[in-house]
């Protein structure tokens, strides 16, 4: 007998479970769809902004600075890549001693020193700064875990001490701290916008979009100086020779192009190496020709003569008495050679400058009301800074108006350049105004920003020239300065075949309010005399010896610089016949 099997039928509960799962899935899909609508429609802008914030960043501001060259495009300063080496000892997979022995010859440090540094911290230990590209490549080739090289930029100065007083230096953060690196920081920095670039999940720049090498940002641009390195070198050599010969404290030489105010040379000694600024005396970071005041002595007499001519107190034909020694307000005033020469009697204005007569200068300035003279000194800008592109300028100092006007001795001492003080830079500016026909120009060392084709792109702003003397006055004073070199105290400055004017200065230094035996000697020249193009000023502080005068200390410096100018600029002789006959021997006036 055959038995039939019953067929199982689905239970109602199983079918209900399927429907529950289906409803759940449909609900989940609806939720996801709703969430997508919420995120992609309602929150789209907010989420997009957050994504950009996480995935894109502005590149750090570039530290690139334009290369600096002299006026003939000799490199004075430029950037180069360097690296800082950090160690993370906790990540070392090789014995620290082995790593120390491998790094020692590359870094110029002993293995013992390096091993001691490794023991300082478990991570982030600075090992060496300013590691060159070549050394960095060798360190990478060691392939040691736990060594990290961070790229930075170093400013190098190929001319070393020669241009330090002008250019200055930048610190390890690439910020200017002296010279034009400090005062013209904005002008020297590359103007590079900070682009918004993408980064990966590790916070690294995407390779194709990594920030540009700062050197590429300059694109052949460079900042050109007005200074000529060859002339600068000649001036420095001549100055250093005289500093050694007279065992002097310090000195400076300035060469000013009188029409434009461009400084063709600006040397200050002692100097320092800006590549190793951290080893230098910080006092040297301030160029004393720009920042330190001194009493100019007789080199200020041409300025006073121009003022007297402008105010009609004298004419070129005026004759003044020279008694050799006089009393002013109970104080004795005498010529430097009074004990040997006595009084010289009646002198023309040219002779007053030629003999450098203090007494005759007092008589000259007594013809001007003190108030008017004091006002003219203000007109010349003696209480204001020169306004050059160099840092740490100091304005000249005058006695208070009441003291100057009511005490006769103040005018008397100012007549021969004492009792007032100014910087060498300020004096060369004033002498430049006499040489160029009466206009006060702003001395400067930056010519401008040039592109790779030599085209000027940008210049720093400078004050416009302003007239302070008439052309007639300037012409007359230049003639008188020519007589100083022809037959006066400036005679040793004569160069056969050429004419120049000049004025010596040998001033006592005031220490603690009283004048001692220390001197500051100087000589200022105007060249060429017929059509002045340059003023050359040399100042030597505290030369030693009984024969230390402006004529013996400073004139040889100016003469050497002038001869170099003749060669560099190709200036033809104005009196070629002198080159065909032997020069006569001359004594050296003091």
Protein backbone atom coordinates (compact mmCIF):
# COMPACT_ATOMS: atom_id res chain seq x y z
CA UNK A 1 0.00 0.00 0.00
CA UNK A 2 1.35 3.34 -0.97
CA UNK A 3 1.30 6.19 1.51
CA UNK A 4 1.07 9.86 0.16
CA UNK A 5 3.38 12.59 1.83
CA UNK A 6 1.92 15.89 2.87
CA UNK A 7 3.42 19.04 1.13
CA UNK A 8 4.63 21.77 3.57
CA UNK A 9 3.13 25.15 3.07
CA UNK A 10 4.80 28.49 4.07
CA UNK A 11 4.06 29.60 7.47
CA UNK A 12 2.42 32.98 7.78
CA UNK A 13 5.19 34.20 10.12
CA UNK A 14 7.96 33.64 7.51
CA UNK A 15 6.18 35.75 4.91
CA UNK A 16 5.74 38.54 7.42
CA UNK A 17 9.46 38.55 8.15
CA UNK A 18 10.24 39.04 4.47
CA UNK A 19 7.91 41.96 4.32
CA UNK A 20 9.56 43.50 7.40
CA UNK A 21 12.99 43.22 5.83
CA UNK A 22 11.70 44.70 2.58
CA UNK A 23 10.08 47.61 4.42
CA UNK A 24 13.29 48.14 6.43
CA UNK A 25 15.42 48.24 3.27
CA UNK A 26 13.03 50.60 1.57
CA UNK A 27 13.06 52.81 4.65
CA UNK A 28 16.86 52.76 4.77
CA UNK A 29 17.07 53.67 1.11
CA UNK A 30 14.62 56.47 1.68
CA UNK A 31 16.76 57.67 4.60
CA UNK A 32 19.91 57.56 2.53
CA UNK A 33 18.17 59.42 -0.27
CA UNK A 34 16.93 62.02 2.20
CA UNK A 35 20.44 62.34 3.66
CA UNK A 36 21.91 62.73 0.22
CA UNK A 37 19.40 65.44 -0.59
CA UNK A 38 20.23 67.12 2.70
CA UNK A 39 24.01 66.95 2.17
CA UNK A 40 24.12 67.67 -1.54
CA UNK A 41 21.42 70.30 -1.70
CA UNK A 42 20.85 71.91 1.65
CA UNK A 43 24.42 71.60 3.07
CA UNK A 44 26.30 71.73 -0.22
CA UNK A 45 27.96 75.12 0.22
CA UNK A 46 28.93 74.51 3.86
CA UNK A 47 30.49 71.13 3.15
CA UNK A 48 32.29 72.36 0.05
CA UNK A 49 33.87 75.14 2.13
CA UNK A 50 35.01 72.63 4.76
CA UNK A 51 36.51 70.41 2.08
CA UNK A 52 38.46 73.29 0.59
CA UNK A 53 39.70 74.21 4.06
CA UNK A 54 40.98 70.68 4.65
CA UNK A 55 42.33 69.95 1.19
CA UNK A 56 43.73 73.31 0.09
CA UNK A 57 46.04 75.78 1.77
CA UNK A 58 47.73 79.03 0.88
CA UNK A 59 51.44 78.49 0.38
CA UNK A 60 53.65 80.10 3.02
CA UNK A 61 54.80 83.62 2.08
CA UNK A 62 58.05 83.38 0.12
CA UNK A 63 61.27 84.49 1.78
CA UNK A 64 62.94 85.10 -1.58
CA UNK A 65 64.88 88.32 -1.96
CA UNK A 66 66.16 89.84 -5.16
CA UNK A 67 69.87 89.46 -5.88
CA UNK A 68 71.84 92.67 -5.39
CA UNK A 69 74.52 93.82 -7.83
CA UNK A 70 76.79 96.84 -8.09
CA UNK A 71 76.29 99.34 -10.92
CA UNK A 72 78.23 97.08 -13.31
CA UNK A 73 76.22 93.99 -12.29
CA UNK A 74 78.87 92.40 -10.11
CA UNK A 75 76.96 90.23 -7.62
CA UNK A 76 76.86 91.65 -4.10
CA UNK A 77 74.18 89.46 -2.46
CA UNK A 78 72.09 86.46 -3.49
CA UNK A 79 70.03 83.58 -2.05
CA UNK A 80 71.04 79.94 -2.02
CA UNK A 81 69.25 76.88 -0.59
CA UNK A 82 70.57 75.42 2.65
CA UNK A 83 69.22 72.82 5.05
CA UNK A 84 68.79 72.33 8.77
CA UNK A 85 69.47 68.79 9.94
CA UNK A 86 67.26 67.40 12.74
CA UNK A 87 67.62 64.01 14.43
CA UNK A 88 64.83 61.88 15.89
CA UNK A 89 66.75 59.30 17.99
CA UNK A 90 63.56 57.46 18.93
CA UNK A 91 63.23 56.49 15.24
CA UNK A 92 66.80 55.27 14.80
CA UNK A 93 67.05 51.71 13.48
CA UNK A 94 70.85 51.78 13.59
CA UNK A 95 73.11 52.30 16.56
CA UNK A 96 73.46 56.08 17.31
CA UNK A 97 77.24 55.69 17.46
CA UNK A 98 77.29 54.38 13.89
CA UNK A 99 75.15 57.31 12.71
CA UNK A 100 77.39 59.76 14.54
CA UNK A 101 80.53 58.36 12.86
CA UNK A 102 78.86 58.55 9.44
CA UNK A 103 77.72 62.18 9.89
CA UNK A 104 80.87 63.53 11.55
CA UNK A 105 83.04 64.05 8.42
CA UNK A 106 80.12 65.57 6.52
CA UNK A 107 79.23 68.12 9.20
CA UNK A 108 82.69 68.94 10.53
CA UNK A 109 81.69 67.80 14.01
CA UNK A 110 83.20 65.05 16.13
CA UNK A 111 81.32 61.76 16.69
CA UNK A 112 81.41 62.52 20.41
CA UNK A 113 79.64 65.86 19.88
CA UNK A 114 76.99 64.27 17.71
CA UNK A 115 76.46 61.37 20.09
CA UNK A 116 75.92 63.86 22.93
CA UNK A 117 73.34 65.75 20.87
CA UNK A 118 71.45 62.55 20.13
CA UNK A 119 71.03 62.03 23.86
CA UNK A 120 69.46 65.46 24.42
CA UNK A 121 65.87 64.64 23.39
CA UNK A 122 64.09 61.61 21.90
CA UNK A 123 63.00 63.62 18.88
CA UNK A 124 63.45 66.97 17.09
CA UNK A 125 67.12 67.51 18.01
CA UNK A 126 68.81 70.26 15.86
CA UNK A 127 72.14 68.87 14.67
CA UNK A 128 73.44 71.36 12.08
CA UNK A 129 72.35 74.60 10.42
CA UNK A 130 73.08 75.95 6.93
CA UNK A 131 73.95 72.56 5.47
CA UNK A 132 74.79 72.93 1.77
CA UNK A 133 72.93 71.13 -1.04
CA UNK A 134 75.95 68.91 -1.67
CA UNK A 135 76.24 67.79 1.96
CA UNK A 136 72.45 67.33 2.21
CA UNK A 137 72.57 64.96 -0.77
CA UNK A 138 75.28 62.88 0.93
CA UNK A 139 73.22 62.71 4.14
CA UNK A 140 70.19 61.50 2.20
CA UNK A 141 72.35 58.87 0.54
CA UNK A 142 73.11 57.39 3.98
CA UNK A 143 69.41 56.40 4.08
CA UNK A 144 69.18 56.43 7.88
CA UNK A 145 65.77 56.54 9.52
CA UNK A 146 65.43 59.31 12.09
CA UNK A 147 67.31 62.03 10.13
CA UNK A 148 65.32 64.96 8.75
CA UNK A 149 66.51 67.75 6.43
CA UNK A 150 64.43 70.94 6.36
CA UNK A 151 65.14 73.35 3.52
CA UNK A 152 65.74 77.03 4.22
CA UNK A 153 67.33 79.93 2.36
CA UNK A 154 70.63 81.57 3.10
CA UNK A 155 71.73 85.01 1.93
CA UNK A 156 75.37 85.05 0.88
CA UNK A 157 77.60 88.06 0.26
CA UNK A 158 80.43 87.36 -2.21
CA UNK A 159 82.07 90.77 -1.57
CA UNK A 160 82.25 90.08 2.17
CA UNK A 161 83.58 93.12 4.13
CA UNK A 162 83.74 95.37 1.07
CA UNK A 163 80.00 96.10 0.89
CA UNK A 164 78.91 95.29 4.45
CA UNK A 165 78.41 98.92 5.47
CA UNK A 166 76.01 99.42 2.56
CA UNK A 167 74.21 96.10 2.12
CA UNK A 168 74.12 94.83 5.72
CA UNK A 169 72.89 91.28 6.35
CA UNK A 170 69.84 89.09 6.98
CA UNK A 171 69.44 86.78 9.96
CA UNK A 172 68.53 83.07 9.98
CA UNK A 173 64.87 84.00 9.55
CA UNK A 174 65.85 85.81 6.35
CA UNK A 175 64.97 89.21 7.80
CA UNK A 176 67.19 92.23 7.17
CA UNK A 177 68.94 93.55 10.25
CA UNK A 178 71.42 96.13 8.89
CA UNK A 179 72.20 98.13 5.76
CA UNK A 180 69.71 98.26 2.92
CA UNK A 181 68.71 94.68 3.74
CA UNK A 182 67.02 96.32 6.74
CA UNK A 183 65.97 99.77 5.51
CA UNK A 184 64.80 98.56 2.07
CA UNK A 185 63.39 95.20 3.16
CA UNK A 186 60.11 95.64 1.27
CA UNK A 187 61.89 96.73 -1.90
CA UNK A 188 64.23 93.73 -1.81
CA UNK A 189 61.59 91.08 -1.13
CA UNK A 190 60.12 89.31 -4.14
CA UNK A 191 56.48 90.27 -4.67
CA UNK A 192 54.94 86.81 -4.95
CA UNK A 193 51.20 86.14 -4.40
CA UNK A 194 50.33 83.21 -2.14
CA UNK A 195 48.41 80.74 -4.36
CA UNK A 196 45.79 78.35 -2.94
CA UNK A 197 47.16 74.87 -3.66
CA UNK A 198 45.98 71.30 -2.97
CA UNK A 199 47.51 69.00 -0.39
CA UNK A 200 47.20 65.22 0.10
CA UNK A 201 45.79 63.43 3.15
CA UNK A 202 49.21 63.62 4.86
CA UNK A 203 49.33 67.40 4.56
CA UNK A 204 51.95 67.36 1.80
CA UNK A 205 51.86 69.58 -1.30
CA UNK A 206 50.83 67.67 -4.38
CA UNK A 207 54.05 67.25 -6.41
CA UNK A 208 52.77 69.03 -9.49
CA UNK A 209 51.61 71.98 -7.43
CA UNK A 210 54.44 72.35 -4.91
CA UNK A 211 55.59 75.93 -4.14
CA UNK A 212 58.12 77.35 -6.57
CA UNK A 213 61.83 77.50 -5.78
CA UNK A 214 62.33 81.08 -4.48
CA UNK A 215 65.25 81.55 -6.86
CA UNK A 216 62.89 81.05 -9.80
CA UNK A 217 60.63 83.80 -8.48
CA UNK A 218 63.23 86.48 -9.22
CA UNK A 219 62.97 85.68 -12.96
CA UNK A 220 66.25 87.39 -13.76
CA UNK A 221 65.35 90.51 -11.77
CA UNK A 222 67.97 92.14 -9.56
CA UNK A 223 68.40 95.27 -7.48
CA UNK A 224 71.25 97.35 -8.86
CA UNK A 225 73.29 99.65 -6.64
CA UNK A 226 74.86 102.96 -7.62
CA UNK A 227 78.13 101.79 -6.07
CA UNK A 228 81.08 100.69 -8.20
CA UNK A 229 82.90 97.74 -6.62
CA UNK A 230 86.21 98.68 -8.22
CA UNK A 231 86.07 102.22 -6.88
CA UNK A 232 84.89 100.88 -3.55
CA UNK A 233 87.90 98.56 -3.40
CA UNK A 234 90.33 101.38 -4.22
CA UNK A 235 88.80 103.61 -1.56
CA UNK A 236 88.97 100.83 1.02
CA UNK A 237 92.61 100.03 0.29
CA UNK A 238 93.64 103.70 0.46
CA UNK A 239 91.69 104.24 3.67
CA UNK A 240 93.07 101.14 5.39
CA UNK A 241 96.61 102.13 4.45
CA UNK A 242 96.23 105.52 6.16
CA UNK A 243 94.46 104.01 9.18
CA UNK A 244 97.44 101.71 9.70
CA UNK A 245 100.01 104.41 9.04
CA UNK A 246 98.53 106.80 11.60
CA UNK A 247 97.15 104.17 13.97
CA UNK A 248 93.70 105.77 13.63
CA UNK A 249 90.48 104.66 15.27
CA UNK A 250 88.27 104.54 12.17
CA UNK A 251 87.64 106.20 8.83
CA UNK A 252 85.22 106.65 5.96
CA UNK A 253 85.29 107.58 2.28
CA UNK A 254 82.29 108.80 0.27
CA UNK A 255 82.07 109.53 -3.45
CA UNK A 256 78.92 111.43 -4.45
CA UNK A 257 77.73 112.01 -8.01
CA UNK A 258 76.60 115.60 -7.52
CA UNK A 259 73.93 115.78 -10.24
CA UNK A 260 71.92 112.74 -9.13
CA UNK A 261 72.97 112.08 -5.54
CA UNK A 262 74.15 108.57 -6.44
CA UNK A 263 76.89 107.31 -4.12
CA UNK A 264 79.61 105.72 -6.23
CA UNK A 265 81.48 104.58 -3.12
CA UNK A 266 80.76 104.45 0.60
CA UNK A 267 83.48 102.80 2.67
CA UNK A 268 83.57 102.64 6.45
CA UNK A 269 86.33 100.98 8.43
CA UNK A 270 86.52 98.85 10.43
CA UNK A 271 84.02 96.59 8.68
CA UNK A 272 82.66 93.05 9.17
CA UNK A 273 81.85 89.93 7.17
CA UNK A 274 78.05 89.75 6.71
CA UNK A 275 78.34 86.02 6.01
CA UNK A 276 79.45 85.67 9.64
CA UNK A 277 77.59 88.59 11.20
CA UNK A 278 77.20 86.69 14.45
CA UNK A 279 80.95 87.02 15.05
CA UNK A 280 81.01 90.80 14.51
CA UNK A 281 80.84 93.65 16.98
CA UNK A 282 77.17 94.81 16.82
CA UNK A 283 78.38 98.42 16.79
CA UNK A 284 79.63 97.82 13.23
CA UNK A 285 76.09 97.17 11.99
CA UNK A 286 75.50 100.94 12.12
CA UNK A 287 77.50 102.62 9.35
CA UNK A 288 79.13 105.48 11.24
CA UNK A 289 79.31 107.66 8.11
CA UNK A 290 75.51 107.70 8.23
CA UNK A 291 74.75 107.52 11.93
CA UNK A 292 77.57 109.18 13.92
CA UNK A 293 77.93 112.93 14.38
CA UNK A 294 81.26 114.75 14.32
CA UNK A 295 82.44 118.35 14.17
CA UNK A 296 83.58 118.88 10.58
CA UNK A 297 86.09 121.65 11.24
CA UNK A 298 87.46 123.51 8.24
CA UNK A 299 85.67 121.36 5.66
CA UNK A 300 82.56 123.31 6.72
CA UNK A 301 84.16 126.63 5.73
CA UNK A 302 83.01 126.38 2.07
CA UNK A 303 79.42 126.04 3.34
CA UNK A 304 79.78 129.14 5.50
CA UNK A 305 81.36 131.04 2.62
CA UNK A 306 78.41 130.15 0.38
CA UNK A 307 75.97 131.33 3.08
CA UNK A 308 77.84 134.65 3.43
CA UNK A 309 77.74 135.15 -0.35
CA UNK A 310 74.03 134.31 -0.50
CA UNK A 311 73.21 136.80 2.27
CA UNK A 312 75.34 139.50 0.61
CA UNK A 313 77.62 139.75 3.65
CA UNK A 314 80.64 139.44 1.36
CA UNK A 315 81.55 139.46 -2.33
CA UNK A 316 84.25 137.42 -4.06
CA UNK A 317 86.46 140.54 -3.86
CA UNK A 318 85.99 141.20 -0.14
CA UNK A 319 89.17 141.50 1.92
CA UNK A 320 89.16 140.38 5.55
CA UNK A 321 91.69 140.92 8.36
CA UNK A 322 93.67 138.06 9.84
CA UNK A 323 95.33 138.99 13.11
CA UNK A 324 96.20 135.37 13.83
CA UNK A 325 94.53 135.48 17.25
CA UNK A 326 91.50 137.35 18.60
CA UNK A 327 89.23 137.27 21.66
CA UNK A 328 85.52 136.62 21.28
CA UNK A 329 83.26 136.88 24.32
CA UNK A 330 86.28 136.36 26.57
CA UNK A 331 87.45 133.26 24.65
CA UNK A 332 90.62 133.11 22.52
CA UNK A 333 90.27 132.20 18.84
CA UNK A 334 93.41 131.57 16.81
CA UNK A 335 94.69 129.97 13.63
CA UNK A 336 96.24 126.51 13.82
CA UNK A 337 99.62 127.90 12.71
CA UNK A 338 99.53 131.08 14.84
CA UNK A 339 102.53 130.09 16.98
CA UNK A 340 104.70 129.64 13.83
CA UNK A 341 103.19 132.19 11.44
CA UNK A 342 101.38 134.82 13.46
CA UNK A 343 98.82 136.95 11.66
CA UNK A 344 98.67 137.14 7.87
CA UNK A 345 97.09 140.57 7.57
CA UNK A 346 94.53 141.33 4.86
CA UNK A 347 93.26 138.28 2.97
CA UNK A 348 90.94 137.78 0.02
CA UNK A 349 88.17 135.24 0.42
CA UNK A 350 90.11 132.73 -1.69
CA UNK A 351 93.12 133.23 0.58
CA UNK A 352 90.95 132.80 3.67
CA UNK A 353 90.01 129.32 2.44
CA UNK A 354 93.48 128.60 1.04
CA UNK A 355 95.22 129.35 4.35
CA UNK A 356 92.23 128.00 6.29
CA UNK A 357 92.21 131.12 8.50
CA UNK A 358 89.93 130.67 11.51
CA UNK A 359 90.25 134.32 12.50
CA UNK A 360 89.28 135.67 9.08
CA UNK A 361 86.31 133.27 9.00
CA UNK A 362 85.11 134.73 12.31
CA UNK A 363 85.28 138.21 10.79
CA UNK A 364 83.35 136.94 7.76
CA UNK A 365 80.53 135.40 9.77
CA UNK A 366 80.30 138.43 12.09
CA UNK A 367 78.99 140.32 9.07
CA UNK A 368 75.83 138.17 9.21
CA UNK A 369 73.17 138.68 11.91
CA UNK A 370 73.30 135.57 14.06
CA UNK A 371 69.59 134.98 13.72
CA UNK A 372 69.84 135.02 9.92
CA UNK A 373 72.78 132.62 9.92
CA UNK A 374 71.00 130.23 12.27
CA UNK A 375 67.91 130.33 10.07
CA UNK A 376 70.02 129.50 6.99
CA UNK A 377 71.49 126.45 8.71
CA UNK A 378 67.93 125.24 9.23
CA UNK A 379 67.20 125.92 5.57
CA UNK A 380 70.08 123.62 4.67
CA UNK A 381 68.32 120.86 6.61
CA UNK A 382 70.85 120.55 9.42
CA UNK A 383 68.17 119.63 11.93
CA UNK A 384 66.67 116.96 9.66
CA UNK A 385 67.82 113.59 8.40
CA UNK A 386 69.34 113.44 4.94
CA UNK A 387 66.61 111.06 3.75
CA UNK A 388 68.85 108.50 2.04
CA UNK A 389 67.92 104.84 1.55
CA UNK A 390 70.41 103.80 4.25
CA UNK A 391 69.26 103.02 7.81
CA UNK A 392 70.05 104.58 11.19
CA UNK A 393 70.50 108.15 9.93
CA UNK A 394 71.12 110.88 12.49
CA UNK A 395 70.19 114.53 12.01
CA UNK A 396 72.81 117.22 12.60
CA UNK A 397 72.92 118.99 15.94
CA UNK A 398 72.94 122.73 16.50
CA UNK A 399 73.02 124.62 19.75
CA UNK A 400 69.60 125.91 20.92
CA UNK A 401 68.59 129.09 19.08
CA UNK A 402 68.68 131.26 22.21
CA UNK A 403 72.18 130.12 23.11
CA UNK A 404 73.45 130.47 19.55
CA UNK A 405 72.01 133.96 19.09
CA UNK A 406 72.96 135.46 22.45
CA UNK A 407 76.49 134.09 22.89
CA UNK A 408 79.05 135.46 20.36
CA UNK A 409 81.37 132.50 20.86
CA UNK A 410 78.82 130.13 19.28
CA UNK A 411 78.88 131.96 15.94
CA UNK A 412 82.67 132.26 16.16
CA UNK A 413 83.27 128.54 16.57
CA UNK A 414 80.63 127.65 13.96
CA UNK A 415 82.57 129.89 11.54
CA UNK A 416 85.31 127.28 11.35
CA UNK A 417 83.11 124.20 11.72
CA UNK A 418 83.17 123.54 15.46
CA UNK A 419 80.35 123.76 17.97
CA UNK A 420 78.01 122.10 15.46
CA UNK A 421 78.00 118.47 14.39
CA UNK A 422 76.75 116.41 11.49
CA UNK A 423 77.41 113.07 9.77
CA UNK A 424 79.91 112.61 6.93
CA UNK A 425 76.94 111.75 4.71
CA UNK A 426 75.30 115.08 5.53
CA UNK A 427 78.49 117.02 4.83
CA UNK A 428 78.97 115.38 1.43
CA UNK A 429 75.36 116.27 0.58
CA UNK A 430 75.97 119.96 1.42
CA UNK A 431 79.20 120.05 -0.55
CA UNK A 432 77.36 118.39 -3.42
CA UNK A 433 74.90 121.30 -3.44
CA UNK A 434 77.81 123.67 -3.99
CA UNK A 435 79.29 121.48 -6.72
CA UNK A 436 76.09 120.95 -8.75
CA UNK A 437 75.04 124.59 -8.97
CA UNK A 438 73.10 124.99 -5.73
CA UNK A 439 70.62 122.09 -5.47
CA UNK A 440 70.37 119.81 -2.48
CA UNK A 441 70.03 116.23 -3.77
CA UNK A 442 69.36 113.10 -1.72
CA UNK A 443 72.34 110.73 -1.48
CA UNK A 444 71.34 107.14 -2.24
CA UNK A 445 72.83 103.72 -2.99
CA UNK A 446 69.94 101.95 -4.78
CA UNK A 447 69.63 102.64 -8.48
CA UNK A 448 66.53 100.49 -8.99
CA UNK A 449 65.04 97.09 -9.80
CA UNK A 450 66.11 95.81 -13.22
CA UNK A 451 64.90 92.88 -15.32
CA UNK A 452 67.06 90.32 -17.09
CA UNK A 453 67.27 92.57 -20.17
CA UNK A 454 68.65 95.48 -18.15
CA UNK A 455 65.45 97.52 -18.21
CA UNK A 456 64.54 99.57 -15.15
CA UNK A 457 61.28 98.34 -13.59
CA UNK A 458 61.02 100.18 -10.30
CA UNK A 459 62.83 102.73 -8.12
CA UNK A 460 62.52 103.72 -4.47
CA UNK A 461 60.87 107.08 -3.87
CA UNK A 462 63.26 109.97 -3.29
CA UNK A 463 62.69 113.60 -2.43
CA UNK A 464 63.05 116.04 -5.30
CA UNK A 465 66.14 118.30 -5.34
CA UNK A 466 65.63 121.73 -3.83
CA UNK A 467 67.64 124.88 -4.38
CA UNK A 468 69.63 126.19 -1.44
CA UNK A 469 72.32 128.28 -3.22
CA UNK A 470 72.30 130.28 -6.42
CA UNK A 471 74.36 129.12 -9.38
CA UNK A 472 76.44 132.29 -9.09
CA UNK A 473 77.34 131.52 -5.48
CA UNK A 474 78.21 127.93 -6.32
CA UNK A 475 80.44 128.99 -9.19
CA UNK A 476 82.35 131.46 -7.00
CA UNK A 477 82.92 128.97 -4.19
CA UNK A 478 84.11 126.30 -6.65
CA UNK A 479 86.70 128.75 -7.99
CA UNK A 480 87.90 129.42 -4.45
CA UNK A 481 88.23 125.69 -3.75
CA UNK A 482 90.33 125.41 -6.89
CA UNK A 483 92.71 127.99 -5.40
CA UNK A 484 92.96 125.90 -2.21
CA UNK A 485 94.40 123.02 -4.26
CA UNK A 486 96.46 125.24 -6.55
CA UNK A 487 98.27 127.15 -3.84
CA UNK A 488 96.79 126.44 -0.40
CA UNK A 489 96.50 123.59 2.08
CA UNK A 490 95.07 121.29 -0.61
CA UNK A 491 98.22 121.41 -2.75
CA UNK A 492 99.17 117.72 -2.26
CA UNK A 493 95.88 116.72 -3.92
CA UNK A 494 97.00 118.07 -7.31
CA UNK A 495 96.92 115.51 -10.14
CA UNK A 496 98.95 116.46 -13.25
CA UNK A 497 96.70 117.17 -16.21
CA UNK A 498 93.59 117.68 -14.08
CA UNK A 499 92.02 120.38 -11.94
CA UNK A 500 90.12 119.82 -8.74
CA UNK A 501 89.05 121.93 -5.81
CA UNK A 502 89.08 120.96 -2.19
CA UNK A 503 89.27 121.83 1.47
CA UNK A 504 91.23 120.26 4.29
CA UNK A 505 90.00 119.91 7.85
CA UNK A 506 91.79 119.21 11.13
CA UNK A 507 89.35 119.58 14.00
CA UNK A 508 89.79 119.02 17.70
CA UNK A 509 87.48 116.40 19.17
CA UNK A 510 85.23 117.32 22.04
CA UNK A 511 85.26 114.70 24.80
CA UNK A 512 82.94 115.24 27.75
CA UNK A 513 82.20 118.79 26.65
CA UNK A 514 85.85 119.91 26.46
CA UNK A 515 88.36 119.83 23.62
CA UNK A 516 91.38 117.59 24.08
CA UNK A 517 94.34 116.58 21.97
CA UNK A 518 92.47 114.06 19.81
CA UNK A 519 91.80 115.12 16.23
CA UNK A 520 89.53 114.21 13.38
CA UNK A 521 91.07 114.92 9.98
CA UNK A 522 89.37 115.23 6.63
CA UNK A 523 89.60 116.39 3.05
CA UNK A 524 86.76 117.12 0.64
CA UNK A 525 87.38 117.43 -3.09
CA UNK A 526 85.29 118.63 -6.02
CA UNK A 527 86.20 117.04 -9.34
CA UNK A 528 86.61 117.93 -12.18
CA UNK A 529 86.88 121.60 -11.27
CA UNK A 530 85.68 122.95 -14.63
CA UNK A 531 82.44 120.91 -14.64
CA UNK A 532 82.08 119.22 -11.24
CA UNK A 533 80.73 115.69 -11.35
CA UNK A 534 81.85 114.28 -8.00
CA UNK A 535 82.48 115.19 -4.41
CA UNK A 536 84.98 112.93 -2.68
CA UNK A 537 85.18 113.09 1.11
CA UNK A 538 87.61 111.24 3.37
CA UNK A 539 87.35 111.43 7.17
CA UNK A 540 89.85 109.78 9.53
CA UNK A 541 89.05 109.68 13.24
CA UNK A 542 91.80 110.04 15.86
CA UNK A 543 94.97 109.66 13.77
CA UNK A 544 98.09 109.59 15.93
CA UNK A 545 101.28 111.60 15.52
CA UNK A 546 102.43 115.20 15.36
CA UNK A 547 102.08 115.22 11.57
CA UNK A 548 98.45 114.04 11.54
CA UNK A 549 96.56 116.72 9.58
CA UNK A 550 93.94 116.76 6.88
CA UNK A 551 96.67 117.34 4.29
CA UNK A 552 98.82 114.41 5.40
CA UNK A 553 96.16 111.88 6.45
CA UNK A 554 93.08 112.46 4.27
CA UNK A 555 94.44 113.97 1.04
CA UNK A 556 96.34 110.81 -0.04
CA UNK A 557 93.08 108.86 0.25
CA UNK A 558 91.10 111.30 -1.86
CA UNK A 559 93.89 111.53 -4.41
CA UNK A 560 93.99 107.74 -4.85
CA UNK A 561 90.20 107.61 -5.24
CA UNK A 562 90.22 110.48 -7.76
CA UNK A 563 92.88 108.76 -9.84
CA UNK A 564 90.78 105.60 -9.81
CA UNK A 565 87.73 107.59 -10.94
CA UNK A 566 89.74 108.97 -13.85
CA UNK A 567 90.62 105.44 -14.96
CA UNK A 568 87.22 103.83 -14.37
CA UNK A 569 85.18 106.60 -16.01
CA UNK A 570 87.72 107.43 -18.71
CA UNK A 571 87.89 111.14 -17.81
CA UNK A 572 90.28 112.93 -20.19
CA UNK A 573 92.78 115.48 -18.83
CA UNK A 574 91.73 119.10 -18.96
CA UNK A 575 95.39 120.25 -19.09
CA UNK A 576 97.24 117.58 -21.11
CA UNK A 577 100.32 119.79 -21.47
CA UNK A 578 101.15 119.11 -17.82
CA UNK A 579 101.60 115.44 -18.62
CA UNK A 580 104.54 116.29 -20.89
CA UNK A 581 106.65 118.09 -18.29
CA UNK A 582 108.03 116.91 -14.94
CA UNK A 583 106.09 117.96 -11.86
CA UNK A 584 107.77 120.47 -9.58
CA UNK A 585 108.53 119.39 -6.02
CA UNK A 586 106.16 120.95 -3.51
CA UNK A 587 106.13 121.15 0.25
CA UNK A 588 103.18 119.71 2.13
CA UNK A 589 101.14 122.42 3.87
CA UNK A 590 99.44 121.43 7.08
